[in-house]
PDB file of N, CA and C in Angstrom:
ATOM      1  N   UNK A   1    -111.709-172.060  50.042  1.00  0.00           N
ATOM      2  CA  UNK A   1    -111.545-171.033  51.058  1.00  0.00           C
ATOM      3  C   UNK A   1    -110.906-169.818  50.402  1.00  0.00           C
ATOM      4  N   UNK A   2    -111.477-168.680  50.666  1.00  0.00           N
ATOM      5  CA  UNK A   2    -110.986-167.424  50.118  1.00  0.00           C
ATOM      6  C   UNK A   2    -110.452-166.540  51.248  1.00  0.00           C
ATOM      7  N   UNK A   3    -109.614-165.580  50.890  1.00  0.00           N
ATOM      8  CA  UNK A   3    -109.023-164.685  51.882  1.00  0.00           C
ATOM      9  C   UNK A   3    -110.094-163.987  52.723  1.00  0.00           C
ATOM     10  N   UNK A   4    -111.164-163.544  52.095  1.00  0.00           N
ATOM     11  CA  UNK A   4    -112.211-162.839  52.850  1.00  0.00           C
ATOM     12  C   UNK A   4    -112.929-163.770  53.821  1.00  0.00           C
ATOM     13  N   UNK A   5    -113.007-165.062  53.509  1.00  0.00           N
ATOM     14  CA  UNK A   5    -113.611-166.030  54.438  1.00  0.00           C
ATOM     15  C   UNK A   5    -112.756-166.163  55.699  1.00  0.00           C
ATOM     16  N   UNK A   6    -111.444-166.257  55.499  1.00  0.00           N
ATOM     17  CA  UNK A   6    -110.517-166.362  56.624  1.00  0.00           C
ATOM     18  C   UNK A   6    -110.569-165.091  57.459  1.00  0.00           C
ATOM     19  N   UNK A   7    -110.592-163.957  56.800  1.00  0.00           N
ATOM     20  CA  UNK A   7    -110.672-162.684  57.511  1.00  0.00           C
ATOM     21  C   UNK A   7    -111.918-162.652  58.394  1.00  0.00           C
ATOM     22  N   UNK A   8    -113.044-163.077  57.858  1.00  0.00           N
ATOM     23  CA  UNK A   8    -114.296-163.063  58.625  1.00  0.00           C
ATOM     24  C   UNK A   8    -114.224-164.009  59.820  1.00  0.00           C
ATOM     25  N   UNK A   9    -113.652-165.192  59.631  1.00  0.00           N
ATOM     26  CA  UNK A   9    -113.515-166.148  60.730  1.00  0.00           C
ATOM     27  C   UNK A   9    -112.655-165.581  61.855  1.00  0.00           C
ATOM     28  N   UNK A  10    -111.553-164.942  61.488  1.00  0.00           N
ATOM     29  CA  UNK A  10    -110.673-164.355  62.498  1.00  0.00           C
ATOM     30  C   UNK A  10    -111.383-163.206  63.208  1.00  0.00           C
ATOM     31  N   UNK A  11    -112.052-162.346  62.452  1.00  0.00           N
ATOM     32  CA  UNK A  11    -112.782-161.229  63.067  1.00  0.00           C
ATOM     33  C   UNK A  11    -113.885-161.728  63.993  1.00  0.00           C
ATOM     34  N   UNK A  12    -114.554-162.813  63.615  1.00  0.00           N
ATOM     35  CA  UNK A  12    -115.596-163.378  64.476  1.00  0.00           C
ATOM     36  C   UNK A  12    -114.997-163.956  65.755  1.00  0.00           C
ATOM     37  N   UNK A  13    -113.826-164.596  65.630  1.00  0.00           N
ATOM     38  CA  UNK A  13    -113.183-165.230  66.779  1.00  0.00           C
ATOM     39  C   UNK A  13    -112.433-164.267  67.680  1.00  0.00           C
ATOM     40  N   UNK A  14    -112.016-163.132  67.119  1.00  0.00           N
ATOM     41  CA  UNK A  14    -111.285-162.115  67.874  1.00  0.00           C
ATOM     42  C   UNK A  14    -111.985-160.767  67.676  1.00  0.00           C
ATOM     43  N   UNK A  15    -113.127-160.588  68.320  1.00  0.00           N
ATOM     44  CA  UNK A  15    -113.920-159.373  68.113  1.00  0.00           C
ATOM     45  C   UNK A  15    -113.116-158.102  68.346  1.00  0.00           C
ATOM     46  N   UNK A  16    -113.212-157.191  67.403  1.00  0.00           N
ATOM     47  CA  UNK A  16    -112.511-155.923  67.489  1.00  0.00           C
ATOM     48  C   UNK A  16    -111.139-155.935  66.839  1.00  0.00           C
ATOM     49  N   UNK A  17    -110.696-157.098  66.374  1.00  0.00           N
ATOM     50  CA  UNK A  17    -109.384-157.182  65.727  1.00  0.00           C
ATOM     51  C   UNK A  17    -109.412-156.489  64.373  1.00  0.00           C
ATOM     52  N   UNK A  18    -108.269-155.918  64.014  1.00  0.00           N
ATOM     53  CA  UNK A  18    -108.078-155.379  62.669  1.00  0.00           C
ATOM     54  C   UNK A  18    -107.353-156.473  61.885  1.00  0.00           C
ATOM     55  N   UNK A  19    -107.976-156.964  60.825  1.00  0.00           N
ATOM     56  CA  UNK A  19    -107.467-158.134  60.112  1.00  0.00           C
ATOM     57  C   UNK A  19    -107.361-157.841  58.625  1.00  0.00           C
ATOM     58  N   UNK A  20    -106.208-158.200  58.050  1.00  0.00           N
ATOM     59  CA  UNK A  20    -106.017-158.152  56.610  1.00  0.00           C
ATOM     60  C   UNK A  20    -105.465-159.510  56.205  1.00  0.00           C
ATOM     61  N   UNK A  21    -106.139-160.182  55.273  1.00  0.00           N
ATOM     62  CA  UNK A  21    -105.696-161.491  54.791  1.00  0.00           C
ATOM     63  C   UNK A  21    -105.454-161.392  53.295  1.00  0.00           C
ATOM     64  N   UNK A  22    -104.322-161.942  52.872  1.00  0.00           N
ATOM     65  CA  UNK A  22    -103.983-161.975  51.446  1.00  0.00           C
ATOM     66  C   UNK A  22    -103.735-163.407  51.028  1.00  0.00           C
ATOM     67  N   UNK A  23    -103.984-163.686  49.766  1.00  0.00           N
ATOM     68  CA  UNK A  23    -103.736-165.009  49.194  1.00  0.00           C
ATOM     69  C   UNK A  23    -104.703-165.232  48.065  1.00  0.00           C
ATOM     70  N   UNK A  24    -104.191-165.703  46.956  1.00  0.00           N
ATOM     71  CA  UNK A  24    -105.078-165.839  45.801  1.00  0.00           C
ATOM     72  C   UNK A  24    -105.098-167.238  45.200  1.00  0.00           C
ATOM     73  N   UNK A  25    -104.429-168.214  45.838  1.00  0.00           N
ATOM     74  CA  UNK A  25    -104.444-169.557  45.266  1.00  0.00           C
ATOM     75  C   UNK A  25    -105.421-170.495  45.980  1.00  0.00           C
ATOM     76  N   UNK A  26    -106.123-169.992  47.001  1.00  0.00           N
ATOM     77  CA  UNK A  26    -107.118-170.793  47.697  1.00  0.00           C
ATOM     78  C   UNK A  26    -106.562-171.710  48.769  1.00  0.00           C
ATOM     79  N   UNK A  27    -105.232-171.761  48.944  1.00  0.00           N
ATOM     80  CA  UNK A  27    -104.645-172.636  49.968  1.00  0.00           C
ATOM     81  C   UNK A  27    -103.578-171.960  50.813  1.00  0.00           C
ATOM     82  N   UNK A  28    -102.844-171.026  50.240  1.00  0.00           N
ATOM     83  CA  UNK A  28    -101.751-170.356  50.939  1.00  0.00           C
ATOM     84  C   UNK A  28    -102.125-168.894  51.182  1.00  0.00           C
ATOM     85  N   UNK A  29    -102.053-168.504  52.454  1.00  0.00           N
ATOM     86  CA  UNK A  29    -102.494-167.168  52.827  1.00  0.00           C
ATOM     87  C   UNK A  29    -101.504-166.530  53.787  1.00  0.00           C
ATOM     88  N   UNK A  30    -101.593-165.219  53.890  1.00  0.00           N
ATOM     89  CA  UNK A  30    -100.868-164.498  54.918  1.00  0.00           C
ATOM     90  C   UNK A  30    -101.849-163.526  55.557  1.00  0.00           C
ATOM     91  N   UNK A  31    -101.711-163.370  56.868  1.00  0.00           N
ATOM     92  CA  UNK A  31    -102.635-162.513  57.602  1.00  0.00           C
ATOM     93  C   UNK A  31    -101.861-161.597  58.537  1.00  0.00           C
ATOM     94  N   UNK A  32    -102.322-160.363  58.612  1.00  0.00           N
ATOM     95  CA  UNK A  32    -101.808-159.409  59.587  1.00  0.00           C
ATOM     96  C   UNK A  32    -102.964-159.086  60.528  1.00  0.00           C
ATOM     97  N   UNK A  33    -102.728-159.282  61.809  1.00  0.00           N
ATOM     98  CA  UNK A  33    -103.790-159.111  62.792  1.00  0.00           C
ATOM     99  C   UNK A  33    -103.300-158.209  63.915  1.00  0.00           C
ATOM    100  N   UNK A  34    -104.054-157.153  64.166  1.00  0.00           N
ATOM    101  CA  UNK A  34    -103.795-156.240  65.279  1.00  0.00           C
ATOM    102  C   UNK A  34    -104.980-156.389  66.230  1.00  0.00           C
ATOM    103  N   UNK A  35    -104.678-156.763  67.484  1.00  0.00           N
ATOM    104  CA  UNK A  35    -105.757-157.092  68.409  1.00  0.00           C
ATOM    105  C   UNK A  35    -105.331-156.739  69.834  1.00  0.00           C
ATOM    106  N   UNK A  36    -106.132-155.956  70.513  1.00  0.00           N
ATOM    107  CA  UNK A  36    -105.803-155.575  71.887  1.00  0.00           C
ATOM    108  C   UNK A  36    -105.696-156.791  72.807  1.00  0.00           C
ATOM    109  N   UNK A  37    -106.399-157.849  72.499  1.00  0.00           N
ATOM    110  CA  UNK A  37    -106.348-159.070  73.307  1.00  0.00           C
ATOM    111  C   UNK A  37    -105.007-159.779  73.262  1.00  0.00           C
ATOM    112  N   UNK A  38    -104.124-159.373  72.359  1.00  0.00           N
ATOM    113  CA  UNK A  38    -102.784-159.958  72.284  1.00  0.00           C
ATOM    114  C   UNK A  38    -101.833-159.350  73.319  1.00  0.00           C
ATOM    115  N   UNK A  39    -102.220-158.248  73.936  1.00  0.00           N
ATOM    116  CA  UNK A  39    -101.335-157.561  74.885  1.00  0.00           C
ATOM    117  C   UNK A  39    -100.876-158.516  75.982  1.00  0.00           C
ATOM    118  N   UNK A  40     -99.563-158.527  76.221  1.00  0.00           N
ATOM    119  CA  UNK A  40     -99.001-159.354  77.277  1.00  0.00           C
ATOM    120  C   UNK A  40     -98.829-160.811  76.917  1.00  0.00           C
ATOM    121  N   UNK A  41     -99.184-161.188  75.698  1.00  0.00           N
ATOM    122  CA  UNK A  41     -99.081-162.584  75.266  1.00  0.00           C
ATOM    123  C   UNK A  41     -97.864-162.757  74.356  1.00  0.00           C
ATOM    124  N   UNK A  42     -97.255-163.933  74.421  1.00  0.00           N
ATOM    125  CA  UNK A  42     -96.133-164.232  73.533  1.00  0.00           C
ATOM    126  C   UNK A  42     -96.650-164.405  72.111  1.00  0.00           C
ATOM    127  N   UNK A  43     -95.743-164.385  71.148  1.00  0.00           N
ATOM    128  CA  UNK A  43     -96.129-164.592  69.753  1.00  0.00           C
ATOM    129  C   UNK A  43     -96.797-165.953  69.589  1.00  0.00           C
ATOM    130  N   UNK A  44     -96.280-166.972  70.253  1.00  0.00           N
ATOM    131  CA  UNK A  44     -96.882-168.310  70.165  1.00  0.00           C
ATOM    132  C   UNK A  44     -98.312-168.283  70.683  1.00  0.00           C
ATOM    133  N   UNK A  45     -98.535-167.620  71.804  1.00  0.00           N
ATOM    134  CA  UNK A  45     -99.890-167.521  72.352  1.00  0.00           C
ATOM    135  C   UNK A  45    -100.807-166.757  71.407  1.00  0.00           C
ATOM    136  N   UNK A  46    -100.295-165.685  70.802  1.00  0.00           N
ATOM    137  CA  UNK A  46    -101.093-164.922  69.853  1.00  0.00           C
ATOM    138  C   UNK A  46    -101.493-165.795  68.673  1.00  0.00           C
ATOM    139  N   UNK A  47    -100.553-166.549  68.139  1.00  0.00           N
ATOM    140  CA  UNK A  47    -100.851-167.409  66.990  1.00  0.00           C
ATOM    141  C   UNK A  47    -101.846-168.501  67.368  1.00  0.00           C
ATOM    142  N   UNK A  48    -101.727-169.039  68.559  1.00  0.00           N
ATOM    143  CA  UNK A  48    -102.700-170.052  69.012  1.00  0.00           C
ATOM    144  C   UNK A  48    -104.105-169.475  69.083  1.00  0.00           C
ATOM    145  N   UNK A  49    -104.213-168.217  69.467  1.00  0.00           N
ATOM    146  CA  UNK A  49    -105.525-167.572  69.509  1.00  0.00           C
ATOM    147  C   UNK A  49    -106.123-167.481  68.106  1.00  0.00           C
ATOM    148  N   UNK A  50    -105.287-167.144  67.126  1.00  0.00           N
ATOM    149  CA  UNK A  50    -105.765-167.074  65.744  1.00  0.00           C
ATOM    150  C   UNK A  50    -106.160-168.460  65.258  1.00  0.00           C
ATOM    151  N   UNK A  51    -105.311-169.461  65.508  1.00  0.00           N
ATOM    152  CA  UNK A  51    -105.637-170.831  65.094  1.00  0.00           C
ATOM    153  C   UNK A  51    -106.929-171.303  65.756  1.00  0.00           C
ATOM    154  N   UNK A  52    -107.144-170.888  66.996  1.00  0.00           N
ATOM    155  CA  UNK A  52    -108.386-171.248  67.683  1.00  0.00           C
ATOM    156  C   UNK A  52    -109.602-170.671  66.982  1.00  0.00           C
ATOM    157  N   UNK A  53    -109.465-169.455  66.464  1.00  0.00           N
ATOM    158  CA  UNK A  53    -110.572-168.827  65.731  1.00  0.00           C
ATOM    159  C   UNK A  53    -110.857-169.570  64.426  1.00  0.00           C
ATOM    160  N   UNK A  54    -109.838-170.194  63.852  1.00  0.00           N
ATOM    161  CA  UNK A  54    -110.004-170.894  62.571  1.00  0.00           C
ATOM    162  C   UNK A  54    -110.398-172.354  62.748  1.00  0.00           C
ATOM    163  N   UNK A  55    -110.194-172.891  63.931  1.00  0.00           N
ATOM    164  CA  UNK A  55    -110.606-174.256  64.224  1.00  0.00           C
ATOM    165  C   UNK A  55    -109.959-175.294  63.316  1.00  0.00           C
ATOM    166  N   UNK A  56    -110.736-176.282  62.947  1.00  0.00           N
ATOM    167  CA  UNK A  56    -110.239-177.423  62.169  1.00  0.00           C
ATOM    168  C   UNK A  56    -109.930-177.082  60.719  1.00  0.00           C
ATOM    169  N   UNK A  57    -110.197-175.869  60.325  1.00  0.00           N
ATOM    170  CA  UNK A  57    -109.898-175.473  58.937  1.00  0.00           C
ATOM    171  C   UNK A  57    -108.387-175.424  58.682  1.00  0.00           C
ATOM    172  N   UNK A  58    -107.606-175.144  59.757  1.00  0.00           N
ATOM    173  CA  UNK A  58    -106.156-175.127  59.614  1.00  0.00           C
ATOM    174  C   UNK A  58    -105.669-176.544  59.315  1.00  0.00           C
ATOM    175  N   UNK A  59    -104.850-176.673  58.282  1.00  0.00           N
ATOM    176  CA  UNK A  59    -104.347-177.982  57.882  1.00  0.00           C
ATOM    177  C   UNK A  59    -105.313-178.731  56.993  1.00  0.00           C
ATOM    178  N   UNK A  60    -106.505-178.196  56.842  1.00  0.00           N
ATOM    179  CA  UNK A  60    -107.515-178.794  55.967  1.00  0.00           C
ATOM    180  C   UNK A  60    -107.791-177.846  54.818  1.00  0.00           C
ATOM    181  N   UNK A  61    -108.842-177.065  54.967  1.00  0.00           N
ATOM    182  CA  UNK A  61    -109.198-176.082  53.938  1.00  0.00           C
ATOM    183  C   UNK A  61    -108.115-175.019  53.777  1.00  0.00           C
ATOM    184  N   UNK A  62    -107.445-174.701  54.875  1.00  0.00           N
ATOM    185  CA  UNK A  62    -106.358-173.728  54.839  1.00  0.00           C
ATOM    186  C   UNK A  62    -105.059-174.508  54.959  1.00  0.00           C
ATOM    187  N   UNK A  63    -104.339-174.616  53.873  1.00  0.00           N
ATOM    188  CA  UNK A  63    -103.111-175.416  53.866  1.00  0.00           C
ATOM    189  C   UNK A  63    -101.977-174.695  54.585  1.00  0.00           C
ATOM    190  N   UNK A  64    -101.836-173.402  54.354  1.00  0.00           N
ATOM    191  CA  UNK A  64    -100.755-172.631  54.972  1.00  0.00           C
ATOM    192  C   UNK A  64    -101.212-171.208  55.253  1.00  0.00           C
ATOM    193  N   UNK A  65    -100.852-170.717  56.437  1.00  0.00           N
ATOM    194  CA  UNK A  65    -101.212-169.364  56.823  1.00  0.00           C
ATOM    195  C   UNK A  65    -100.035-168.740  57.556  1.00  0.00           C
ATOM    196  N   UNK A  66     -99.414-167.762  56.937  1.00  0.00           N
ATOM    197  CA  UNK A  66     -98.337-167.006  57.580  1.00  0.00           C
ATOM    198  C   UNK A  66     -98.977-165.885  58.395  1.00  0.00           C
ATOM    199  N   UNK A  67     -98.565-165.755  59.637  1.00  0.00           N
ATOM    200  CA  UNK A  67     -99.187-164.779  60.541  1.00  0.00           C
ATOM    201  C   UNK A  67     -98.195-163.706  60.966  1.00  0.00           C
ATOM    202  N   UNK A  68     -98.699-162.478  61.034  1.00  0.00           N
ATOM    203  CA  UNK A  68     -98.025-161.359  61.678  1.00  0.00           C
ATOM    204  C   UNK A  68     -99.035-160.800  62.654  1.00  0.00           C
ATOM    205  N   UNK A  69     -98.736-160.902  63.925  1.00  0.00           N
ATOM    206  CA  UNK A  69     -99.680-160.473  64.955  1.00  0.00           C
ATOM    207  C   UNK A  69     -99.014-159.463  65.881  1.00  0.00           C
ATOM    208  N   UNK A  70     -99.849-158.568  66.405  1.00  0.00           N
ATOM    209  CA  UNK A  70     -99.362-157.624  67.400  1.00  0.00           C
ATOM    210  C   UNK A  70    -100.547-157.011  68.133  1.00  0.00           C
ATOM    211  N   UNK A  71    -100.255-156.550  69.353  1.00  0.00           N
ATOM    212  CA  UNK A  71    -101.285-155.851  70.117  1.00  0.00           C
ATOM    213  C   UNK A  71    -101.343-154.409  69.640  1.00  0.00           C
ATOM    214  N   UNK A  72    -102.490-153.821  69.770  1.00  0.00           N
ATOM    215  CA  UNK A  72    -102.674-152.417  69.361  1.00  0.00           C
ATOM    216  C   UNK A  72    -102.135-151.497  70.405  1.00  0.00           C
TER     217      UNK A  72
END
């Protein structure tokens, strides 16, 4: 799994989101996501939305993902 793969999955799952993913070891990544759909949601809810976009890859192909999320 590469950073650009994760970015694409998040963008597909959260249409219109601005996503930047970093990580170069293939397992540990960090992502910054700005998405209007996060408005009014808690940080936990926002992170669950991102995890939902990634599905079963979390904990498998993606070992660790640090998230910074906010509404636009």
